[in-house]
C-alpha atoms as a PDB file:
ATOM      1  CA  MET A   1     -20.365  -2.344  63.291  1.00  0.00           C
ATOM      2  CA  HIS A   2     -22.379  -2.017  59.828  1.00  0.00           C
ATOM      3  CA  SER A   3     -23.013  -4.978  57.576  1.00  0.00           C
ATOM      4  CA  ALA A   4     -22.458  -5.078  53.726  1.00  0.00           C
ATOM      5  CA  PRO A   5     -24.719  -3.965  51.379  1.00  0.00           C
ATOM      6  CA  ARG A   6     -25.969  -6.365  49.238  1.00  0.00           C
ATOM      7  CA  ILE A   7     -26.003  -6.618  45.355  1.00  0.00           C
ATOM      8  CA  ALA A   8     -29.372  -5.506  43.368  1.00  0.00           C
ATOM      9  CA  PRO A   9     -30.585  -5.721  40.803  1.00  0.00           C
ATOM     10  CA  LEU A  10     -29.719  -2.620  37.743  1.00  0.00           C
ATOM     11  CA  CYS A  11     -32.895  -1.277  37.576  1.00  0.00           C
ATOM     12  CA  ASP A  12     -33.062  -0.313  41.087  1.00  0.00           C
ATOM     13  CA  SER A  13     -29.253   1.784  40.271  1.00  0.00           C
ATOM     14  CA  SER A  14     -29.877   5.440  39.951  1.00  0.00           C
ATOM     15  CA  ALA A  15     -26.234   5.322  40.049  1.00  0.00           C
ATOM     16  CA  LEU A  16     -26.864   3.565  36.100  1.00  0.00           C
ATOM     17  CA  LEU A  17     -28.945   6.377  34.712  1.00  0.00           C
ATOM     18  CA  ASP A  18     -26.633   9.166  36.317  1.00  0.00           C
ATOM     19  CA  ALA A  19     -23.587   7.280  34.598  1.00  0.00           C
ATOM     20  CA  TRP A  20     -24.835   7.292  30.919  1.00  0.00           C
ATOM     21  CA  SER A  21     -26.246  10.769  30.976  1.00  0.00           C
ATOM     22  CA  ILE A  22     -22.921  12.104  31.678  1.00  0.00           C
ATOM     23  CA  GLY A  23     -19.132  11.480  29.128  1.00  0.00           C
ATOM     24  CA  SER A  24     -18.480  10.848  25.593  1.00  0.00           C
ATOM     25  CA  ALA A  25     -20.237   7.565  25.463  1.00  0.00           C
ATOM     26  CA  LEU A  26     -23.591   7.327  22.884  1.00  0.00           C
ATOM     27  CA  VAL A  27     -27.202   6.287  24.375  1.00  0.00           C
ATOM     28  CA  GLY A  28     -30.044   6.057  22.328  1.00  0.00           C
ATOM     29  CA  ILE A  29     -32.988   4.183  23.056  1.00  0.00           C
ATOM     30  CA  TYR A  30     -35.680   3.349  20.250  1.00  0.00           C
ATOM     31  CA  ASP A  31     -38.943   1.385  20.260  1.00  0.00           C
ATOM     32  CA  GLU A  32     -40.476  -0.918  17.835  1.00  0.00           C
ATOM     33  CA  ARG A  33     -41.491   1.271  15.324  1.00  0.00           C
ATOM     34  CA  ASP A  34     -38.325   2.842  15.776  1.00  0.00           C
ATOM     35  CA  ASN A  35     -39.376   5.932  17.063  1.00  0.00           C
ATOM     36  CA  LEU A  36     -36.185   8.097  19.397  1.00  0.00           C
ATOM     37  CA  ARG A  37     -37.403   7.186  22.612  1.00  0.00           C
ATOM     38  CA  HIS A  38     -34.877   8.543  24.787  1.00  0.00           C
ATOM     39  CA  ALA A  39     -31.252   9.814  24.352  1.00  0.00           C
ATOM     40  CA  ASN A  40     -28.138  10.813  26.340  1.00  0.00           C
ATOM     41  CA  ASP A  41     -26.929  14.511  25.784  1.00  0.00           C
ATOM     42  CA  ALA A  42     -23.773  12.393  23.872  1.00  0.00           C
ATOM     43  CA  PHE A  43     -26.221  11.069  21.528  1.00  0.00           C
ATOM     44  CA  LEU A  44     -28.496  14.113  21.319  1.00  0.00           C
ATOM     45  CA  ARG A  45     -24.932  16.382  20.241  1.00  0.00           C
ATOM     46  CA  ALA A  46     -23.682  13.645  17.589  1.00  0.00           C
ATOM     47  CA  PHE A  47     -27.038  14.329  15.898  1.00  0.00           C
ATOM     48  CA  ASN A  48     -28.002  17.607  16.361  1.00  0.00           C
ATOM     49  CA  LEU A  49     -31.121  16.818  18.137  1.00  0.00           C
ATOM     50  CA  THR A  50     -32.536  18.092  21.243  1.00  0.00           C
ATOM     51  CA  ILE A  51     -34.814  17.072  24.294  1.00  0.00           C
ATOM     52  CA  GLY A  52     -38.343  17.409  22.820  1.00  0.00           C
ATOM     53  CA  ASP A  53     -37.905  16.137  18.912  1.00  0.00           C
ATOM     54  CA  VAL A  54     -39.071  13.906  17.477  1.00  0.00           C
ATOM     55  CA  ALA A  55     -37.228  11.768  15.620  1.00  0.00           C
ATOM     56  CA  SER A  56     -36.830   8.078  14.477  1.00  0.00           C
ATOM     57  CA  PHE A  57     -34.194   6.046  12.704  1.00  0.00           C
ATOM     58  CA  ASP A  58     -35.068   6.508   9.072  1.00  0.00           C
ATOM     59  CA  SER A  59     -35.175  10.613  10.048  1.00  0.00           C
ATOM     60  CA  ILE A  60     -31.839  10.462  11.817  1.00  0.00           C
ATOM     61  CA  ILE A  61     -30.039   9.071   8.761  1.00  0.00           C
ATOM     62  CA  HIS A  62     -31.692  11.313   6.463  1.00  0.00           C
ATOM     63  CA  ALA A  63     -30.579  14.161   8.192  1.00  0.00           C
ATOM     64  CA  CYS A  64     -27.028  12.590   8.473  1.00  0.00           C
ATOM     65  CA  PHE A  65     -27.098  12.594   4.649  1.00  0.00           C
ATOM     66  CA  ARG A  66     -28.478  15.439   4.124  1.00  0.00           C
ATOM     67  CA  ASP A  67     -26.954  17.638   6.559  1.00  0.00           C
ATOM     68  CA  LYS A  68     -23.329  16.235   6.247  1.00  0.00           C
ATOM     69  CA  ILE A  69     -23.891  15.400  10.007  1.00  0.00           C
ATOM     70  CA  GLY A  70     -23.201  12.503  12.405  1.00  0.00           C
ATOM     71  CA  VAL A  71     -22.984   8.581  11.081  1.00  0.00           C
ATOM     72  CA  ARG A  72     -20.848   8.776   7.463  1.00  0.00           C
ATOM     73  CA  ILE A  73     -23.054   8.081   4.664  1.00  0.00           C
ATOM     74  CA  ASP A  74     -20.877   5.731   2.015  1.00  0.00           C
ATOM     75  CA  SER A  75     -23.691   5.722  -0.136  1.00  0.00           C
ATOM     76  CA  ASP A  76     -25.602   7.539  -2.847  1.00  0.00           C
ATOM     77  CA  ASP A  77     -28.853   6.610  -1.362  1.00  0.00           C
ATOM     78  CA  PRO A  78     -29.960   6.834   1.963  1.00  0.00           C
ATOM     79  CA  GLU A  79     -32.623   4.968   1.481  1.00  0.00           C
ATOM     80  CA  SER A  80     -31.210   1.798   0.413  1.00  0.00           C
ATOM     81  CA  PHE A  81     -28.216   2.296   3.197  1.00  0.00           C
ATOM     82  CA  ILE A  82     -31.181   2.398   5.407  1.00  0.00           C
ATOM     83  CA  ALA A  83     -32.976  -0.989   3.778  1.00  0.00           C
ATOM     84  CA  ASP A  84     -29.674  -2.573   4.668  1.00  0.00           C
ATOM     85  CA  ALA A  85     -28.848  -1.765   8.142  1.00  0.00           C
ATOM     86  CA  GLN A  86     -32.331  -2.464   9.218  1.00  0.00           C
ATOM     87  CA  VAL A  87     -31.761  -5.798   7.477  1.00  0.00           C
ATOM     88  CA  ARG A  88     -29.144  -6.266  10.720  1.00  0.00           C
ATOM     89  CA  ARG A  89     -30.879  -3.901  13.082  1.00  0.00           C
ATOM     90  CA  ARG A  90     -34.051  -6.343  12.714  1.00  0.00           C
ATOM     91  CA  PRO A  91     -33.573  -9.313  11.200  1.00  0.00           C
ATOM     92  CA  SER A  92     -36.719 -11.821  10.412  1.00  0.00           C
ATOM     93  CA  PRO A  93     -37.836 -13.359  12.251  1.00  0.00           C
ATOM     94  CA  SER A  94     -37.621 -11.131  15.023  1.00  0.00           C
ATOM     95  CA  VAL A  95     -35.008 -13.037  17.578  1.00  0.00           C
ATOM     96  CA  ALA A  96     -33.867 -10.680  20.984  1.00  0.00           C
ATOM     97  CA  ARG A  97     -29.978 -10.327  20.122  1.00  0.00           C
ATOM     98  CA  GLN A  98     -27.178  -8.145  20.475  1.00  0.00           C
ATOM     99  CA  ARG A  99     -24.495  -7.586  18.018  1.00  0.00           C
ATOM    100  CA  SER A 100     -21.768  -5.344  17.893  1.00  0.00           C
ATOM    101  CA  PHE A 101     -19.757  -2.927  15.065  1.00  0.00           C
ATOM    102  CA  PRO A 102     -17.741   0.296  14.632  1.00  0.00           C
ATOM    103  CA  ILE A 103     -19.207   3.327  13.039  1.00  0.00           C
ATOM    104  CA  ASP A 104     -17.473   6.261  11.877  1.00  0.00           C
ATOM    105  CA  PHE A 105     -18.604   9.904  11.776  1.00  0.00           C
ATOM    106  CA  VAL A 106     -18.312  12.372   9.580  1.00  0.00           C
ATOM    107  CA  ASP A 107     -16.059  14.975  11.945  1.00  0.00           C
ATOM    108  CA  GLY A 108     -13.690  12.350  12.028  1.00  0.00           C
ATOM    109  CA  THR A 109     -14.743  10.377  15.494  1.00  0.00           C
ATOM    110  CA  TRP A 110     -15.505   6.488  16.123  1.00  0.00           C
ATOM    111  CA  PHE A 111     -17.545   4.391  17.926  1.00  0.00           C
ATOM    112  CA  TRP A 112     -17.660   0.848  18.748  1.00  0.00           C
ATOM    113  CA  CYS A 113     -21.375   0.424  19.086  1.00  0.00           C
ATOM    114  CA  THR A 114     -23.264  -2.277  21.018  1.00  0.00           C
ATOM    115  CA  GLU A 115     -27.089  -2.816  19.986  1.00  0.00           C
ATOM    116  CA  THR A 116     -28.985  -4.400  21.637  1.00  0.00           C
ATOM    117  CA  LEU A 117     -32.676  -6.329  20.204  1.00  0.00           C
ATOM    118  CA  LEU A 118     -34.954  -6.893  23.292  1.00  0.00           C
ATOM    119  CA  PRO A 119     -38.066  -9.032  23.362  1.00  0.00           C
ATOM    120  CA  SER A 120     -40.197  -6.173  23.361  1.00  0.00           C
ATOM    121  CA  GLY A 121     -38.643  -4.724  19.744  1.00  0.00           C
ATOM    122  CA  TRP A 122     -37.070  -2.173  21.500  1.00  0.00           C
ATOM    123  CA  ILE A 123     -33.569  -1.367  20.556  1.00  0.00           C
ATOM    124  CA  VAL A 124     -31.057  -0.002  22.743  1.00  0.00           C
ATOM    125  CA  LEU A 125     -28.156   1.150  21.237  1.00  0.00           C
ATOM    126  CA  THR A 126     -24.368   2.159  23.624  1.00  0.00           C
ATOM    127  CA  GLY A 127     -21.184   3.368  21.666  1.00  0.00           C
ATOM    128  CA  ALA A 128     -17.907   4.351  23.030  1.00  0.00           C
ATOM    129  CA  ASP A 129     -15.748   6.459  21.818  1.00  0.00           C
ATOM    130  CA  ILE A 130     -12.578   4.495  20.065  1.00  0.00           C
ATOM    131  CA  THR A 131     -11.260   7.307  18.534  1.00  0.00           C
ATOM    132  CA  SER A 132      -8.054   7.387  19.908  1.00  0.00           C
ATOM    133  CA  LEU A 133      -7.430   3.502  19.184  1.00  0.00           C
ATOM    134  CA  LYS A 134      -8.756   4.047  15.542  1.00  0.00           C
ATOM    135  CA  GLN A 135      -5.553   6.554  15.570  1.00  0.00           C
ATOM    136  CA  ALA A 136      -3.250   4.568  17.299  1.00  0.00           C
ATOM    137  CA  GLU A 137      -4.528   2.064  14.882  1.00  0.00           C
ATOM    138  CA  ARG A 138      -3.392   4.215  11.361  1.00  0.00           C
ATOM    139  CA  GLU A 139      -0.582   4.931  12.512  1.00  0.00           C
ATOM    140  CA  LEU A 140       0.810   1.074  13.381  1.00  0.00           C
ATOM    141  CA  ALA A 141      -0.619   0.658   9.731  1.00  0.00           C
ATOM    142  CA  ALA A 142       1.276   3.275   8.352  1.00  0.00           C
ATOM    143  CA  ALA A 143       4.204   2.344   9.791  1.00  0.00           C
ATOM    144  CA  ARG A 144       3.980  -1.051   9.078  1.00  0.00           C
ATOM    145  CA  ASP A 145       3.813   0.143   5.119  1.00  0.00           C
ATOM    146  CA  SER A 146       6.608   2.223   5.700  1.00  0.00           C
ATOM    147  CA  ALA A 147       8.373  -0.685   7.190  1.00  0.00           C
ATOM    148  CA  LEU A 148       7.605  -2.584   4.091  1.00  0.00           C
ATOM    149  CA  MET A 149       8.444  -0.426   1.798  1.00  0.00           C
ATOM    150  CA  LEU A 150      11.593  -0.025   3.122  1.00  0.00           C
ATOM    151  CA  SER A 151      12.072  -3.361   3.007  1.00  0.00           C
ATOM    152  CA  ARG A 152      11.545  -3.703  -0.990  1.00  0.00           C
ATOM    153  CA  VAL A 153      13.469  -0.071  -1.711  1.00  0.00           C
ATOM    154  CA  ASP A 154      16.961   1.576  -1.999  1.00  0.00           C
ATOM    155  CA  GLU A 155      16.578   4.464   0.270  1.00  0.00           C
ATOM    156  CA  LEU A 156      19.232   6.294  -1.770  1.00  0.00           C
ATOM    157  CA  THR A 157      17.582   6.052  -4.554  1.00  0.00           C
ATOM    158  CA  GLY A 158      13.922   5.095  -4.286  1.00  0.00           C
ATOM    159  CA  VAL A 159      14.144   2.504  -6.859  1.00  0.00           C
ATOM    160  CA  PRO A 160      13.973  -1.815  -5.651  1.00  0.00           C
ATOM    161  CA  ASN A 161      16.771  -2.739  -3.834  1.00  0.00           C
ATOM    162  CA  ARG A 162      18.735  -6.075  -4.334  1.00  0.00           C
ATOM    163  CA  ARG A 163      16.084  -8.516  -2.534  1.00  0.00           C
ATOM    164  CA  PHE A 164      12.935  -7.065  -3.966  1.00  0.00           C
ATOM    165  CA  ALA A 165      14.280  -7.233  -7.526  1.00  0.00           C
ATOM    166  CA  LEU A 166      15.853 -10.736  -7.919  1.00  0.00           C
ATOM    167  CA  SER A 167      12.881 -11.777  -5.703  1.00  0.00           C
ATOM    168  CA  LYS A 168      11.049 -10.661  -8.920  1.00  0.00           C
ATOM    169  CA  LEU A 169      13.046 -12.117 -11.236  1.00  0.00           C
ATOM    170  CA  ALA A 170      13.149 -15.529 -10.239  1.00  0.00           C
ATOM    171  CA  SER A 171       8.929 -15.095 -10.255  1.00  0.00           C
ATOM    172  CA  VAL A 172       9.117 -14.000 -13.694  1.00  0.00           C
ATOM    173  CA  LEU A 173      11.293 -16.648 -14.289  1.00  0.00           C
ATOM    174  CA  ASN A 174       8.718 -19.118 -12.296  1.00  0.00           C
ATOM    175  CA  SER A 175       5.823 -17.909 -14.886  1.00  0.00           C
ATOM    176  CA  LEU A 176       7.433 -18.886 -17.939  1.00  0.00           C
ATOM    177  CA  ASP A 177       5.627 -21.119 -19.481  1.00  0.00           C
ATOM    178  CA  SER A 178       6.646 -21.602 -23.004  1.00  0.00           C
ATOM    179  CA  ALA A 179      10.063 -21.598 -25.129  1.00  0.00           C
ATOM    180  CA  GLU A 180       9.022 -19.110 -27.057  1.00  0.00           C
ATOM    181  CA  ALA A 181       8.348 -16.413 -24.093  1.00  0.00           C
ATOM    182  CA  ASP A 182      10.834 -13.500 -24.405  1.00  0.00           C
ATOM    183  CA  PHE A 183      12.401 -12.271 -20.920  1.00  0.00           C
ATOM    184  CA  SER A 184      15.745 -10.307 -21.297  1.00  0.00           C
ATOM    185  CA  VAL A 185      17.985  -9.428 -17.855  1.00  0.00           C
ATOM    186  CA  ALA A 186      20.274  -6.718 -18.501  1.00  0.00           C
ATOM    187  CA  LEU A 187      22.742  -5.902 -15.863  1.00  0.00           C
ATOM    188  CA  LEU A 188      24.286  -1.874 -15.663  1.00  0.00           C
ATOM    189  CA  ASP A 189      27.561  -0.203 -13.436  1.00  0.00           C
ATOM    190  CA  LEU A 190      28.199   2.643 -14.065  1.00  0.00           C
ATOM    191  CA  ASP A 191      31.565   3.356 -15.458  1.00  0.00           C
ATOM    192  CA  HIS A 192      34.253   5.385 -13.368  1.00  0.00           C
ATOM    193  CA  PHE A 193      31.953   6.255 -10.544  1.00  0.00           C
ATOM    194  CA  LYS A 194      34.870   5.475  -8.196  1.00  0.00           C
ATOM    195  CA  SER A 195      36.375   8.220  -9.799  1.00  0.00           C
ATOM    196  CA  ILE A 196      33.084  10.365  -9.274  1.00  0.00           C
ATOM    197  CA  ASN A 197      33.221   9.679  -5.626  1.00  0.00           C
ATOM    198  CA  ASP A 198      37.271  10.329  -5.011  1.00  0.00           C
ATOM    199  CA  THR A 199      36.623  13.613  -7.224  1.00  0.00           C
ATOM    200  CA  PHE A 200      33.432  15.103  -6.174  1.00  0.00           C
ATOM    201  CA  GLY A 201      32.829  13.144  -2.794  1.00  0.00           C
ATOM    202  CA  HIS A 202      30.736  10.735  -2.159  1.00  0.00           C
ATOM    203  CA  GLU A 203      27.450  13.069  -1.623  1.00  0.00           C
ATOM    204  CA  THR A 204      27.976  13.541  -5.133  1.00  0.00           C
ATOM    205  CA  GLY A 205      28.326  10.230  -5.627  1.00  0.00           C
ATOM    206  CA  ASP A 206      25.156   9.794  -4.485  1.00  0.00           C
ATOM    207  CA  LEU A 207      23.375  11.896  -6.037  1.00  0.00           C
ATOM    208  CA  VAL A 208      24.759  10.306  -9.471  1.00  0.00           C
ATOM    209  CA  LEU A 209      23.588   7.113  -8.287  1.00  0.00           C
ATOM    210  CA  ARG A 210      19.620   8.829  -7.766  1.00  0.00           C
ATOM    211  CA  HIS A 211      19.559  10.957 -11.042  1.00  0.00           C
ATOM    212  CA  PHE A 212      20.755   7.803 -12.928  1.00  0.00           C
ATOM    213  CA  ALA A 213      18.469   5.170 -11.461  1.00  0.00           C
ATOM    214  CA  LYS A 214      15.466   8.105 -11.918  1.00  0.00           C
ATOM    215  CA  HIS A 215      16.415   8.392 -15.620  1.00  0.00           C
ATOM    216  CA  CYS A 216      16.014   4.307 -15.618  1.00  0.00           C
ATOM    217  CA  VAL A 217      13.039   4.370 -14.587  1.00  0.00           C
ATOM    218  CA  SER A 218      11.733   7.163 -16.466  1.00  0.00           C
ATOM    219  CA  SER A 219      13.069   5.320 -19.494  1.00  0.00           C
ATOM    220  CA  VAL A 220      11.564   1.924 -19.671  1.00  0.00           C
ATOM    221  CA  ARG A 221       8.135   0.684 -19.800  1.00  0.00           C
ATOM    222  CA  SER A 222       5.716   0.680 -16.448  1.00  0.00           C
ATOM    223  CA  LEU A 223       5.512  -3.469 -16.606  1.00  0.00           C
ATOM    224  CA  ASP A 224       9.717  -3.459 -16.053  1.00  0.00           C
ATOM    225  CA  LEU A 225      11.465  -3.130 -12.800  1.00  0.00           C
ATOM    226  CA  VAL A 226      14.374  -1.152 -12.598  1.00  0.00           C
ATOM    227  CA  GLY A 227      16.467  -1.805  -9.636  1.00  0.00           C
ATOM    228  CA  ARG A 228      19.912  -1.278  -7.751  1.00  0.00           C
ATOM    229  CA  LEU A 229      21.779  -4.788  -6.908  1.00  0.00           C
ATOM    230  CA  GLY A 230      23.908  -2.345  -4.785  1.00  0.00           C
ATOM    231  CA  GLY A 231      27.182  -0.175  -4.982  1.00  0.00           C
ATOM    232  CA  GLU A 232      26.972   1.415  -8.911  1.00  0.00           C
ATOM    233  CA  GLU A 233      25.258  -1.445 -10.328  1.00  0.00           C
ATOM    234  CA  PHE A 234      21.984  -1.859 -11.418  1.00  0.00           C
ATOM    235  CA  VAL A 235      19.482  -4.356 -13.287  1.00  0.00           C
ATOM    236  CA  ILE A 236      16.787  -4.145 -15.388  1.00  0.00           C
ATOM    237  CA  LEU A 237      13.906  -6.922 -15.770  1.00  0.00           C
ATOM    238  CA  LEU A 238      12.409  -6.333 -19.154  1.00  0.00           C
ATOM    239  CA  PRO A 239       9.255  -9.315 -19.439  1.00  0.00           C
ATOM    240  CA  GLY A 240       8.077  -9.280 -23.423  1.00  0.00           C
ATOM    241  CA  LEU A 241      11.414  -8.570 -24.996  1.00  0.00           C
ATOM    242  CA  ASN A 242      14.363 -11.029 -26.439  1.00  0.00           C
ATOM    243  CA  SER A 243      17.795  -9.836 -26.615  1.00  0.00           C
ATOM    244  CA  GLU A 244      17.994  -7.727 -29.260  1.00  0.00           C
ATOM    245  CA  GLN A 245      14.475  -5.570 -28.786  1.00  0.00           C
ATOM    246  CA  ALA A 246      16.436  -5.551 -25.130  1.00  0.00           C
ATOM    247  CA  LYS A 247      19.801  -3.842 -26.209  1.00  0.00           C
ATOM    248  CA  ALA A 248      17.887  -1.425 -28.359  1.00  0.00           C
ATOM    249  CA  VAL A 249      16.630  -0.493 -24.886  1.00  0.00           C
ATOM    250  CA  LEU A 250      19.752   0.012 -23.167  1.00  0.00           C
ATOM    251  CA  ASP A 251      21.385   1.710 -25.826  1.00  0.00           C
ATOM    252  CA  ARG A 252      18.780   4.274 -25.834  1.00  0.00           C
ATOM    253  CA  ILE A 253      19.074   5.013 -22.127  1.00  0.00           C
ATOM    254  CA  LEU A 254      22.833   5.020 -22.560  1.00  0.00           C
ATOM    255  CA  ALA A 255      22.572   7.531 -25.575  1.00  0.00           C
ATOM    256  CA  THR A 256      20.074   9.909 -23.130  1.00  0.00           C
ATOM    257  CA  VAL A 257      21.722  10.069 -19.631  1.00  0.00           C
ATOM    258  CA  PRO A 258      22.025  13.845 -18.871  1.00  0.00           C
ATOM    259  CA  PRO A 259      24.801  15.401 -17.055  1.00  0.00           C
ATOM    260  CA  VAL A 260      24.445  15.702 -13.893  1.00  0.00           C
ATOM    261  CA  PRO A 261      24.741  19.155 -12.222  1.00  0.00           C
ATOM    262  CA  VAL A 262      26.879  19.969  -9.587  1.00  0.00           C
ATOM    263  CA  LYS A 263      26.752  22.914  -7.393  1.00  0.00           C
ATOM    264  CA  ASP A 264      30.267  24.661  -7.046  1.00  0.00           C
ATOM    265  CA  CYS A 265      31.844  22.469  -8.428  1.00  0.00           C
ATOM    266  CA  GLN A 266      33.839  22.661 -12.232  1.00  0.00           C
ATOM    267  CA  PRO A 267      32.956  21.597 -13.992  1.00  0.00           C
ATOM    268  CA  ALA A 268      29.482  22.331 -13.393  1.00  0.00           C
ATOM    269  CA  THR A 269      28.178  19.161 -14.791  1.00  0.00           C
ATOM    270  CA  ILE A 270      29.271  15.393 -14.808  1.00  0.00           C
ATOM    271  CA  SER A 271      29.163  13.113 -17.885  1.00  0.00           C
ATOM    272  CA  VAL A 272      26.793   9.791 -16.702  1.00  0.00           C
ATOM    273  CA  ALA A 273      27.821   6.686 -18.787  1.00  0.00           C
ATOM    274  CA  PHE A 274      27.806   2.889 -18.141  1.00  0.00           C
ATOM    275  CA  SER A 275      28.603  -0.628 -19.703  1.00  0.00           C
ATOM    276  CA  ALA A 276      25.400  -3.014 -19.007  1.00  0.00           C
ATOM    277  CA  GLY A 277      25.134  -6.429 -20.593  1.00  0.00           C
ATOM    278  CA  VAL A 278      21.583  -8.456 -22.042  1.00  0.00           C
ATOM    279  CA  THR A 279      20.631 -11.600 -21.607  1.00  0.00           C
ATOM    280  CA  GLN A 280      17.709 -13.457 -22.300  1.00  0.00           C
ATOM    281  CA  ALA A 281      15.918 -16.057 -20.012  1.00  0.00           C
ATOM    282  CA  ALA A 282      14.493 -19.124 -20.662  1.00  0.00           C
ATOM    283  CA  CYS A 283      11.766 -20.820 -18.663  1.00  0.00           C
ATOM    284  CA  ASN A 284      13.265 -23.440 -16.010  1.00  0.00           C
ATOM    285  CA  GLU A 285      16.605 -21.322 -15.495  1.00  0.00           C
ATOM    286  CA  ARG A 286      17.511 -20.466 -12.093  1.00  0.00           C
ATOM    287  CA  PRO A 287      17.994 -16.999 -11.487  1.00  0.00           C
ATOM    288  CA  GLU A 288      21.874 -17.342 -10.724  1.00  0.00           C
ATOM    289  CA  GLU A 289      22.132 -19.190 -14.211  1.00  0.00           C
ATOM    290  CA  VAL A 290      20.410 -15.642 -15.901  1.00  0.00           C
ATOM    291  CA  LEU A 291      22.668 -12.868 -13.912  1.00  0.00           C
ATOM    292  CA  ALA A 292      25.730 -15.329 -14.098  1.00  0.00           C
ATOM    293  CA  ARG A 293      25.569 -14.820 -18.181  1.00  0.00           C
ATOM    294  CA  ALA A 294      24.486 -10.978 -18.225  1.00  0.00           C
ATOM    295  CA  ASP A 295      27.646 -10.320 -16.106  1.00  0.00           C
ATOM    296  CA  LYS A 296      29.650 -12.206 -18.510  1.00  0.00           C
ATOM    297  CA  ALA A 297      28.197  -9.928 -21.195  1.00  0.00           C
ATOM    298  CA  LEU A 298      28.674  -7.023 -18.855  1.00  0.00           C
ATOM    299  CA  TYR A 299      32.232  -7.841 -18.419  1.00  0.00           C
ATOM    300  CA  ALA A 300      32.705  -7.909 -22.355  1.00  0.00           C
ATOM    301  CA  ALA A 301      31.185  -4.385 -22.839  1.00  0.00           C
ATOM    302  CA  LYS A 302      33.942  -3.143 -19.737  1.00  0.00           C
ATOM    303  CA  HIS A 303      36.303  -4.971 -21.546  1.00  0.00           C
ATOM    304  CA  ALA A 304      35.801  -3.786 -24.689  1.00  0.00           C
ATOM    305  CA  GLY A 305      36.438  -0.155 -23.838  1.00  0.00           C
ATOM    306  CA  ARG A 306      32.904   0.848 -21.472  1.00  0.00           C
ATOM    307  CA  ASN A 307      30.347   2.841 -22.227  1.00  0.00           C
ATOM    308  CA  ARG A 308      28.407   0.733 -24.409  1.00  0.00           C
ATOM    309  CA  VAL A 309      26.266  -2.826 -24.128  1.00  0.00           C
ATOM    310  CA  GLU A 310      26.951  -5.970 -25.105  1.00  0.00           C
ATOM    311  CA  ILE A 311      24.624  -9.164 -25.601  1.00  0.00           C
ATOM    312  CA  ASP A 312      25.081 -12.795 -23.926  1.00  0.00           C
ATOM    313  CA  VAL A 313      27.023 -14.221 -26.693  1.00  0.00           C
ATOM    314  CA  ASP A 314      25.615 -17.988 -25.951  1.00  0.00           C
ATOM    315  CA  VAL A 315      21.810 -16.050 -26.707  1.00  0.00           C
ATOM    316  CA  ARG A 316      21.461 -17.064 -29.960  1.00  0.00           C
ATOM    317  CA  GLU A 317      23.455 -20.427 -30.147  1.00  0.00           C
ATOM    318  CA  ARG A 318      20.974 -21.477 -26.577  1.00  0.00           C
ATOM    319  CA  HIS A 319      18.053 -20.678 -28.689  1.00  0.00           C
ATOM    320  CA  GLU A 320      18.905 -21.839 -32.075  1.00  0.00           C
ATOM    321  CA  SER A 321      19.586 -25.574 -30.346  1.00  0.00           C
ATOM    322  CA  GLY A 322      16.246 -26.039 -29.841  1.00  0.00           C
ATOM    323  CA  ASN A 323      16.344 -25.170 -25.872  1.00  0.00           C
ATOM    324  CA  SER A 324      13.026 -26.591 -24.762  1.00  0.00           C
ATOM    325  CA  CYS A 325      10.425 -25.731 -21.917  1.00  0.00           C
ATOM    326  CA  VAL A 326       9.814 -28.664 -19.474  1.00  0.00           C
ATOM    327  CA  VAL A 327       6.179 -27.891 -17.984  1.00  0.00           C
END
């Protein structure tokens, strides 16, 4: 009966050298003067080297920078890149230690490298290919970003959805720190939208909503926010504008809404109009209070015949009464 083999030191194993000599893993060994003394085939291929070449850490980095090969050099100055790397490779005072880090190559591959500084001053660098892991990481990040965007954006129109728009309203209200700070909110409702759906179909109705949202976004400033609350109702947040200025913006939007072209229908275009209510917010107000006043003004616009913009009638009285902001 044969006895089981005993564990032996790594230095006695030829299998270890055989393992490092094949495959995609990188192996490079530098002496105390940073001359490359040993390297496997994967390392040589990565840096366009062959057995018998004379190379050092510095010359390899310069070649990467000059020929756009090997490691990606995110610097306009290879000398500063080398100096920065050497601080980590050979700390002062020198002490035997090991560190690990990711590096990416110009061909899109990624390696997780382990660098071991020996007491002799020699450095052993090994690198495992993690390109597939990086790709999975990018896909997960893209999926996360997409999910985050969908949680904030109305899928049909591409503008902020109800949740995000109301969250932004609350945030702006909380940031108002002066009774003189102007901030207006408008609620918009498309006129006779049900008739559009009933006459032309819901697909055309969706087209009208997208068309209208795009027009609103193009008609306001980048710091304003156009959001869809649901159905044919929208909200526009207008920081820095009082109610009269906000009404002027809404009047301009109303006057310039272009007709929506419709294929295979008579008429060939659909005219779009809306009613809107505008109110001016004050600090320390709750979002529901501001929206209630804007909705009251919107109802007044509808009651007055639609296709118009009305200001909350309580705005002037509320501000003239000296409503102060407690901070």
